[in-house]
């Protein structure tokens, strides 16, 4: 079975800035993001850009939404709460 890796820019919620920041932490595909997870990806982005104001909610919701193919504004309340607990 052959698995096709997905370009980050084709994922929901992943714009140019988030894609560039994900690339900066070594995440280039959906599979890379899936292995790392939304919370750890956000933490690494925050460490890489310590002097920039990076919204935890925006990034966590966007990254998790990309993994489950849902707009960040459409995440279920329970999942939002779990993500908020991570920071």
N, C-alpha and C. Protein backbone atom coordinates (compact mmCIF):
# COMPACT_ATOMS: atom_id res chain seq x y z
N UNK A 1 0.84 -1.17 0.00
CA UNK A 1 0.00 0.00 0.00
C UNK A 1 0.89 1.24 0.00
N UNK A 2 0.61 2.19 -0.88
CA UNK A 2 1.38 3.42 -0.99
C UNK A 2 0.58 4.56 -0.37
N UNK A 3 1.23 5.30 0.52
CA UNK A 3 0.59 6.45 1.15
C UNK A 3 1.08 7.72 0.47
N UNK A 4 0.16 8.55 0.08
CA UNK A 4 0.51 9.82 -0.54
C UNK A 4 0.54 10.90 0.54
N UNK A 5 1.66 11.60 0.64
CA UNK A 5 1.75 12.67 1.61
C UNK A 5 1.02 13.90 1.09
N UNK A 6 0.37 14.60 1.99
CA UNK A 6 -0.44 15.75 1.65
C UNK A 6 0.34 17.04 1.88
N UNK A 7 0.29 17.95 0.93
CA UNK A 7 0.91 19.26 1.11
C UNK A 7 0.12 20.03 2.16
N UNK A 8 0.81 20.69 3.04
CA UNK A 8 0.16 21.43 4.12
C UNK A 8 -0.80 22.49 3.60
N UNK A 9 -0.44 23.15 2.53
CA UNK A 9 -1.28 24.24 2.03
C UNK A 9 -2.64 23.78 1.53
N UNK A 10 -2.80 22.50 1.32
CA UNK A 10 -4.11 22.00 0.89
C UNK A 10 -5.03 21.69 2.06
N UNK A 11 -4.49 21.76 3.27
CA UNK A 11 -5.29 21.46 4.46
C UNK A 11 -6.10 22.68 4.88
N UNK A 12 -7.28 22.44 5.40
CA UNK A 12 -8.12 23.52 5.91
C UNK A 12 -7.36 24.24 7.03
N UNK A 13 -7.51 25.53 7.12
CA UNK A 13 -6.90 26.39 8.15
C UNK A 13 -5.42 26.69 7.97
N UNK A 14 -4.77 26.08 7.01
CA UNK A 14 -3.33 26.27 6.86
C UNK A 14 -3.05 27.26 5.74
N UNK A 15 -2.74 28.47 6.15
CA UNK A 15 -2.38 29.51 5.20
C UNK A 15 -0.86 29.59 5.08
N UNK A 16 -0.42 30.58 4.35
CA UNK A 16 1.01 30.74 4.06
C UNK A 16 1.85 30.90 5.33
N UNK A 17 1.40 31.70 6.27
CA UNK A 17 2.18 31.95 7.49
C UNK A 17 2.30 30.70 8.34
N UNK A 18 1.19 30.03 8.58
CA UNK A 18 1.24 28.81 9.39
C UNK A 18 2.07 27.75 8.68
N UNK A 19 1.91 27.62 7.38
CA UNK A 19 2.70 26.64 6.65
C UNK A 19 4.20 26.93 6.79
N UNK A 20 4.58 28.18 6.64
CA UNK A 20 5.99 28.56 6.76
C UNK A 20 6.51 28.24 8.16
N UNK A 21 5.71 28.55 9.16
CA UNK A 21 6.14 28.27 10.54
C UNK A 21 6.21 26.77 10.81
N UNK A 22 5.29 26.02 10.26
CA UNK A 22 5.37 24.56 10.39
C UNK A 22 6.64 24.04 9.72
N UNK A 23 6.93 24.54 8.54
CA UNK A 23 8.16 24.14 7.84
C UNK A 23 9.39 24.45 8.68
N UNK A 24 9.37 25.59 9.36
CA UNK A 24 10.50 25.99 10.21
C UNK A 24 10.75 25.03 11.36
N UNK A 25 9.72 24.29 11.76
CA UNK A 25 9.91 23.30 12.84
C UNK A 25 10.01 21.87 12.29
N UNK A 26 10.16 21.76 10.98
CA UNK A 26 10.36 20.45 10.37
C UNK A 26 9.09 19.71 9.98
N UNK A 27 7.98 20.41 9.91
CA UNK A 27 6.70 19.80 9.51
C UNK A 27 6.41 20.24 8.08
N UNK A 28 6.37 19.27 7.17
CA UNK A 28 6.18 19.56 5.75
C UNK A 28 4.94 18.89 5.16
N UNK A 29 4.38 17.94 5.87
CA UNK A 29 3.23 17.19 5.35
C UNK A 29 2.19 17.01 6.45
N UNK A 30 1.01 16.62 6.04
CA UNK A 30 -0.05 16.31 7.01
C UNK A 30 0.43 15.20 7.94
N UNK A 31 1.11 14.25 7.38
CA UNK A 31 1.60 13.13 8.17
C UNK A 31 2.59 13.59 9.24
N UNK A 32 3.45 14.54 8.88
CA UNK A 32 4.37 15.11 9.88
C UNK A 32 3.59 15.77 11.01
N UNK A 33 2.57 16.55 10.65
CA UNK A 33 1.75 17.23 11.64
C UNK A 33 1.00 16.22 12.50
N UNK A 34 0.50 15.19 11.88
CA UNK A 34 -0.22 14.15 12.61
C UNK A 34 0.69 13.46 13.64
N UNK A 35 1.91 13.15 13.22
CA UNK A 35 2.87 12.51 14.14
C UNK A 35 3.20 13.41 15.33
N UNK A 36 3.36 14.69 15.07
CA UNK A 36 3.73 15.63 16.13
C UNK A 36 2.54 16.01 16.99
N UNK A 37 1.40 16.18 16.36
CA UNK A 37 0.20 16.60 17.07
C UNK A 37 0.09 18.11 17.14
N UNK A 38 -1.12 18.61 17.24
CA UNK A 38 -1.36 20.05 17.23
C UNK A 38 -0.70 20.76 18.41
N UNK A 39 -0.79 20.19 19.59
CA UNK A 39 -0.25 20.84 20.79
C UNK A 39 1.27 20.94 20.71
N UNK A 40 1.93 19.87 20.37
CA UNK A 40 3.39 19.89 20.29
C UNK A 40 3.87 20.78 19.16
N UNK A 41 3.15 20.79 18.06
CA UNK A 41 3.51 21.68 16.94
C UNK A 41 3.42 23.13 17.39
N UNK A 42 2.35 23.48 18.10
CA UNK A 42 2.20 24.84 18.60
C UNK A 42 3.35 25.18 19.56
N UNK A 43 3.67 24.28 20.45
CA UNK A 43 4.77 24.53 21.40
C UNK A 43 6.09 24.80 20.67
N UNK A 44 6.36 24.00 19.65
CA UNK A 44 7.60 24.18 18.90
C UNK A 44 7.60 25.50 18.13
N UNK A 45 6.46 25.86 17.57
CA UNK A 45 6.36 27.14 16.87
C UNK A 45 6.61 28.27 17.86
N UNK A 46 6.00 28.18 19.02
CA UNK A 46 6.16 29.21 20.06
C UNK A 46 7.63 29.32 20.47
N UNK A 47 8.34 28.20 20.59
CA UNK A 47 9.76 28.21 20.94
C UNK A 47 10.60 28.82 19.82
N UNK A 48 10.21 28.57 18.59
CA UNK A 48 10.96 29.07 17.44
C UNK A 48 10.76 30.57 17.25
N UNK A 49 9.63 31.07 17.66
CA UNK A 49 9.29 32.50 17.52
C UNK A 49 8.97 33.09 18.90
N UNK A 50 9.94 33.12 19.82
CA UNK A 50 9.65 33.54 21.20
C UNK A 50 9.24 35.00 21.35
N UNK A 51 9.60 35.85 20.43
CA UNK A 51 9.32 37.28 20.58
C UNK A 51 8.11 37.74 19.77
N UNK A 52 7.41 36.79 19.17
CA UNK A 52 6.22 37.15 18.40
C UNK A 52 4.96 36.75 19.15
N UNK A 53 3.94 37.55 19.01
CA UNK A 53 2.66 37.27 19.64
C UNK A 53 1.93 36.24 18.80
N UNK A 54 1.96 35.00 19.23
CA UNK A 54 1.31 33.91 18.49
C UNK A 54 0.17 33.38 19.35
N UNK A 55 -1.04 33.60 18.89
CA UNK A 55 -2.23 33.21 19.64
C UNK A 55 -2.32 31.69 19.79
N UNK A 56 -2.32 31.24 21.02
CA UNK A 56 -2.42 29.81 21.28
C UNK A 56 -3.72 29.24 20.74
N UNK A 57 -4.82 29.90 21.02
CA UNK A 57 -6.11 29.39 20.55
C UNK A 57 -6.17 29.31 19.04
N UNK A 58 -5.78 30.39 18.39
CA UNK A 58 -5.83 30.42 16.93
C UNK A 58 -5.00 29.27 16.34
N UNK A 59 -3.78 29.12 16.81
CA UNK A 59 -2.91 28.09 16.26
C UNK A 59 -3.39 26.69 16.64
N UNK A 60 -3.72 26.47 17.89
CA UNK A 60 -4.18 25.14 18.30
C UNK A 60 -5.44 24.74 17.56
N UNK A 61 -6.40 25.64 17.47
CA UNK A 61 -7.65 25.33 16.76
C UNK A 61 -7.38 25.10 15.28
N UNK A 62 -6.53 25.92 14.69
CA UNK A 62 -6.22 25.78 13.27
C UNK A 62 -5.51 24.46 12.98
N UNK A 63 -4.52 24.14 13.79
CA UNK A 63 -3.75 22.91 13.57
C UNK A 63 -4.60 21.67 13.79
N UNK A 64 -5.38 21.67 14.88
CA UNK A 64 -6.24 20.51 15.14
C UNK A 64 -7.31 20.40 14.06
N UNK A 65 -7.86 21.52 13.66
CA UNK A 65 -8.86 21.51 12.59
C UNK A 65 -8.29 20.96 11.29
N UNK A 66 -7.05 21.29 11.01
CA UNK A 66 -6.39 20.78 9.79
C UNK A 66 -6.30 19.26 9.85
N UNK A 67 -6.07 18.73 11.03
CA UNK A 67 -5.94 17.27 11.18
C UNK A 67 -7.26 16.54 11.03
N UNK A 68 -8.36 17.20 11.38
CA UNK A 68 -9.67 16.54 11.30
C UNK A 68 -10.55 17.13 10.20
N UNK A 69 -9.96 17.98 9.36
CA UNK A 69 -10.64 18.58 8.22
C UNK A 69 -11.87 19.39 8.63
N UNK A 70 -11.67 20.27 9.62
CA UNK A 70 -12.75 21.16 10.06
C UNK A 70 -12.20 22.56 10.25
N UNK A 71 -12.98 23.54 9.90
CA UNK A 71 -12.60 24.93 10.13
C UNK A 71 -12.34 25.12 11.63
N UNK A 72 -11.39 25.96 11.95
CA UNK A 72 -11.05 26.17 13.36
C UNK A 72 -12.24 26.70 14.15
N UNK A 73 -13.14 27.41 13.50
CA UNK A 73 -14.32 27.95 14.18
C UNK A 73 -15.41 26.91 14.38
N UNK A 74 -15.25 25.74 13.77
CA UNK A 74 -16.27 24.68 13.85
C UNK A 74 -15.86 23.50 14.73
N UNK A 75 -14.82 23.67 15.53
CA UNK A 75 -14.41 22.57 16.40
C UNK A 75 -15.44 22.38 17.50
N UNK A 76 -15.71 21.15 17.88
CA UNK A 76 -16.67 20.90 18.96
C UNK A 76 -16.19 21.52 20.28
N UNK A 77 -17.11 22.01 21.10
CA UNK A 77 -16.73 22.64 22.37
C UNK A 77 -15.84 21.77 23.26
N UNK A 78 -16.10 20.49 23.31
CA UNK A 78 -15.30 19.59 24.15
C UNK A 78 -13.84 19.58 23.66
N UNK A 79 -13.64 19.53 22.36
CA UNK A 79 -12.29 19.53 21.79
C UNK A 79 -11.61 20.88 22.04
N UNK A 80 -12.35 21.97 21.91
CA UNK A 80 -11.79 23.29 22.21
C UNK A 80 -11.30 23.34 23.66
N UNK A 81 -12.11 22.83 24.56
CA UNK A 81 -11.74 22.82 25.98
C UNK A 81 -10.47 21.99 26.20
N UNK A 82 -10.38 20.85 25.56
CA UNK A 82 -9.18 20.01 25.69
C UNK A 82 -7.95 20.75 25.18
N UNK A 83 -8.07 21.43 24.08
CA UNK A 83 -6.94 22.19 23.52
C UNK A 83 -6.56 23.35 24.44
N UNK A 84 -7.55 24.04 24.98
CA UNK A 84 -7.28 25.15 25.89
C UNK A 84 -6.56 24.66 27.14
N UNK A 85 -6.90 23.48 27.59
CA UNK A 85 -6.24 22.90 28.77
C UNK A 85 -4.77 22.65 28.53
N UNK A 86 -4.39 22.50 27.26
CA UNK A 86 -3.00 22.21 26.91
C UNK A 86 -2.09 23.42 27.09
N UNK A 87 -2.68 24.62 27.13
CA UNK A 87 -1.86 25.80 27.33
C UNK A 87 -2.30 26.54 28.55
